Amino acid sequence: MNIEKTEWTVPESAWFKSSHSTGSGGECVEIASGAAVHIRDSKDLTRSALSVSPAAWAAFVGFAIAQAS
């Protein structure tokens, strides 16, 4: 099996911070969406972003909202 690391080029202007992130260095999650949804930790940009399908992201958000209720 051959595993290859793929790098996606996402322009900085495409990223936006979660409304639940704080300005005081708390939970800083940013996402960028397009053909895939990219998720990254804005406190550590040296790490690769996680990329998932829009359907997987929608399922995660739906689950998170249900758990918060």
N, C-alpha and C. Protein backbone atom coordinates (compact mmCIF):
# COMPACT_ATOMS: atom_id res chain seq x y z
N MET A 1 0.85 -1.17 0.00
CA MET A 1 0.00 0.00 0.00
C MET A 1 0.90 1.24 0.00
N ASN A 2 0.54 2.20 -0.80
CA ASN A 2 1.30 3.44 -0.91
C ASN A 2 0.47 4.58 -0.34
N ILE A 3 0.94 5.20 0.73
CA ILE A 3 0.22 6.32 1.35
C ILE A 3 0.97 7.60 1.03
N GLU A 4 0.25 8.55 0.50
CA GLU A 4 0.84 9.82 0.10
C GLU A 4 0.19 10.94 0.88
N LYS A 5 0.98 11.85 1.41
CA LYS A 5 0.43 13.02 2.09
C LYS A 5 0.11 14.07 1.03
N THR A 6 -1.12 14.54 1.06
CA THR A 6 -1.55 15.54 0.09
C THR A 6 -1.68 16.88 0.79
N GLU A 7 -1.14 17.91 0.20
CA GLU A 7 -1.27 19.26 0.74
C GLU A 7 -2.30 20.02 -0.08
N TRP A 8 -3.24 20.63 0.58
CA TRP A 8 -4.23 21.46 -0.09
C TRP A 8 -3.82 22.90 0.05
N THR A 9 -3.99 23.65 -1.00
CA THR A 9 -3.70 25.07 -0.95
C THR A 9 -5.01 25.79 -0.74
N VAL A 10 -5.16 26.36 0.43
CA VAL A 10 -6.37 27.10 0.78
C VAL A 10 -5.93 28.53 1.05
N PRO A 11 -6.48 29.50 0.31
CA PRO A 11 -6.07 30.88 0.56
C PRO A 11 -6.44 31.33 1.97
N GLU A 12 -5.60 32.15 2.55
CA GLU A 12 -5.85 32.65 3.91
C GLU A 12 -7.21 33.33 4.02
N SER A 13 -7.64 33.99 2.95
CA SER A 13 -8.93 34.70 3.00
C SER A 13 -10.12 33.76 3.09
N ALA A 14 -9.92 32.46 2.83
CA ALA A 14 -11.01 31.49 2.87
C ALA A 14 -11.31 31.00 4.28
N TRP A 15 -10.36 31.18 5.20
CA TRP A 15 -10.51 30.67 6.56
C TRP A 15 -11.35 31.62 7.41
N PHE A 16 -12.22 31.05 8.25
CA PHE A 16 -12.90 31.88 9.24
C PHE A 16 -12.96 31.14 10.57
N LYS A 17 -12.94 31.92 11.63
CA LYS A 17 -12.87 31.38 12.98
C LYS A 17 -14.26 31.04 13.49
N SER A 18 -14.34 30.00 14.26
CA SER A 18 -15.58 29.60 14.89
C SER A 18 -16.12 30.71 15.77
N SER A 19 -17.43 30.87 15.78
CA SER A 19 -18.04 31.88 16.65
C SER A 19 -17.89 31.51 18.12
N HIS A 20 -17.52 30.27 18.41
CA HIS A 20 -17.30 29.83 19.79
C HIS A 20 -15.86 30.01 20.24
N SER A 21 -14.98 30.45 19.35
CA SER A 21 -13.60 30.69 19.72
C SER A 21 -13.50 32.02 20.45
N THR A 22 -12.61 32.08 21.41
CA THR A 22 -12.46 33.31 22.18
C THR A 22 -11.27 34.09 21.67
N GLY A 23 -11.24 35.37 21.96
CA GLY A 23 -10.11 36.20 21.57
C GLY A 23 -8.96 36.11 22.56
N SER A 24 -9.14 35.38 23.63
CA SER A 24 -8.11 35.31 24.67
C SER A 24 -7.30 34.03 24.60
N GLY A 25 -7.20 33.44 23.42
CA GLY A 25 -6.36 32.25 23.26
C GLY A 25 -7.05 30.96 23.63
N GLY A 26 -8.37 30.96 23.66
CA GLY A 26 -9.11 29.75 23.98
C GLY A 26 -9.18 28.80 22.81
N GLU A 27 -10.31 28.18 22.64
CA GLU A 27 -10.51 27.22 21.56
C GLU A 27 -10.55 27.96 20.24
N CYS A 28 -9.55 27.79 19.42
CA CYS A 28 -9.45 28.54 18.15
C CYS A 28 -9.52 27.58 16.98
N VAL A 29 -10.72 27.33 16.53
CA VAL A 29 -10.94 26.46 15.39
C VAL A 29 -11.32 27.33 14.20
N GLU A 30 -10.67 27.08 13.06
CA GLU A 30 -10.99 27.79 11.84
C GLU A 30 -11.37 26.76 10.78
N ILE A 31 -12.29 27.16 9.90
CA ILE A 31 -12.64 26.28 8.78
C ILE A 31 -12.61 27.06 7.48
N ALA A 32 -12.44 26.34 6.41
CA ALA A 32 -12.54 26.87 5.05
C ALA A 32 -13.32 25.83 4.27
N SER A 33 -14.29 26.26 3.50
CA SER A 33 -15.09 25.28 2.77
C SER A 33 -15.04 25.53 1.27
N GLY A 34 -15.25 24.47 0.56
CA GLY A 34 -15.25 24.46 -0.90
C GLY A 34 -15.66 23.07 -1.32
N ALA A 35 -14.88 22.43 -2.17
CA ALA A 35 -15.14 21.05 -2.55
C ALA A 35 -15.00 20.13 -1.34
N ALA A 36 -14.18 20.54 -0.38
CA ALA A 36 -14.01 19.85 0.90
C ALA A 36 -14.06 20.90 2.00
N VAL A 37 -14.27 20.45 3.22
CA VAL A 37 -14.24 21.35 4.37
C VAL A 37 -12.91 21.10 5.08
N HIS A 38 -12.14 22.16 5.26
CA HIS A 38 -10.83 22.08 5.91
C HIS A 38 -10.96 22.68 7.31
N ILE A 39 -10.40 21.99 8.30
CA ILE A 39 -10.48 22.42 9.69
C ILE A 39 -9.06 22.51 10.22
N ARG A 40 -8.75 23.63 10.92
CA ARG A 40 -7.40 23.76 11.48
C ARG A 40 -7.46 24.45 12.84
N ASP A 41 -6.39 24.30 13.57
CA ASP A 41 -6.19 24.96 14.87
C ASP A 41 -5.44 26.25 14.59
N SER A 42 -6.07 27.38 14.78
CA SER A 42 -5.44 28.65 14.45
C SER A 42 -4.28 28.99 15.38
N LYS A 43 -4.15 28.26 16.50
CA LYS A 43 -3.04 28.50 17.40
C LYS A 43 -1.77 27.79 16.94
N ASP A 44 -1.90 26.82 16.04
CA ASP A 44 -0.74 26.06 15.57
C ASP A 44 -0.87 25.81 14.07
N LEU A 45 -0.48 26.80 13.27
CA LEU A 45 -0.62 26.70 11.83
C LEU A 45 0.46 25.82 11.19
N THR A 46 1.40 25.30 11.99
CA THR A 46 2.41 24.39 11.45
C THR A 46 1.82 23.01 11.21
N ARG A 47 0.70 22.71 11.84
CA ARG A 47 0.05 21.42 11.67
C ARG A 47 -0.84 21.44 10.44
N SER A 48 -0.98 20.32 9.82
CA SER A 48 -1.85 20.19 8.65
C SER A 48 -3.31 20.34 9.05
N ALA A 49 -4.09 20.83 8.13
CA ALA A 49 -5.53 20.92 8.35
C ALA A 49 -6.16 19.55 8.13
N LEU A 50 -7.24 19.31 8.82
CA LEU A 50 -8.04 18.12 8.60
C LEU A 50 -9.03 18.45 7.50
N SER A 51 -9.20 17.58 6.54
CA SER A 51 -10.14 17.81 5.44
C SER A 51 -11.17 16.70 5.41
N VAL A 52 -12.44 17.10 5.32
CA VAL A 52 -13.54 16.15 5.27
C VAL A 52 -14.51 16.57 4.18
N SER A 53 -15.39 15.67 3.80
CA SER A 53 -16.40 15.99 2.80
C SER A 53 -17.44 16.93 3.41
N PRO A 54 -18.12 17.72 2.58
CA PRO A 54 -19.19 18.56 3.11
C PRO A 54 -20.26 17.74 3.84
N ALA A 55 -20.56 16.53 3.36
CA ALA A 55 -21.56 15.69 4.03
C ALA A 55 -21.09 15.27 5.42
N ALA A 56 -19.82 14.92 5.55
CA ALA A 56 -19.27 14.54 6.86
C ALA A 56 -19.29 15.73 7.81
N TRP A 57 -18.97 16.92 7.31
CA TRP A 57 -18.98 18.13 8.14
C TRP A 57 -20.41 18.42 8.60
N ALA A 58 -21.38 18.31 7.70
CA ALA A 58 -22.78 18.56 8.06
C ALA A 58 -23.24 17.58 9.13
N ALA A 59 -22.84 16.32 9.01
CA ALA A 59 -23.22 15.32 10.01
C ALA A 59 -22.59 15.66 11.36
N PHE A 60 -21.32 16.07 11.36
CA PHE A 60 -20.65 16.44 12.61
C PHE A 60 -21.34 17.64 13.26
N VAL A 61 -21.63 18.68 12.48
CA VAL A 61 -22.27 19.87 13.03
C VAL A 61 -23.65 19.52 13.57
N GLY A 62 -24.41 18.71 12.84
CA GLY A 62 -25.72 18.28 13.33
C GLY A 62 -25.62 17.53 14.65
N PHE A 63 -24.63 16.65 14.76
CA PHE A 63 -24.41 15.91 16.00
C PHE A 63 -24.03 16.86 17.13
N ALA A 64 -23.12 17.80 16.86
CA ALA A 64 -22.67 18.74 17.89
C ALA A 64 -23.82 19.60 18.39
N ILE A 65 -24.67 20.05 17.49
CA ILE A 65 -25.82 20.87 17.89
C ILE A 65 -26.78 20.05 18.75
N ALA A 66 -27.02 18.80 18.35
CA ALA A 66 -27.93 17.94 19.12
C ALA A 66 -27.39 17.69 20.52
N GLN A 67 -26.07 17.53 20.64
CA GLN A 67 -25.47 17.28 21.95
C GLN A 67 -25.51 18.51 22.83
N ALA A 68 -25.46 19.70 22.23
CA ALA A 68 -25.46 20.94 23.00
C ALA A 68 -26.86 21.29 23.51
N SER A 69 -27.87 20.69 22.91
CA SER A 69 -29.26 21.02 23.29
C SER A 69 -29.66 20.35 24.58
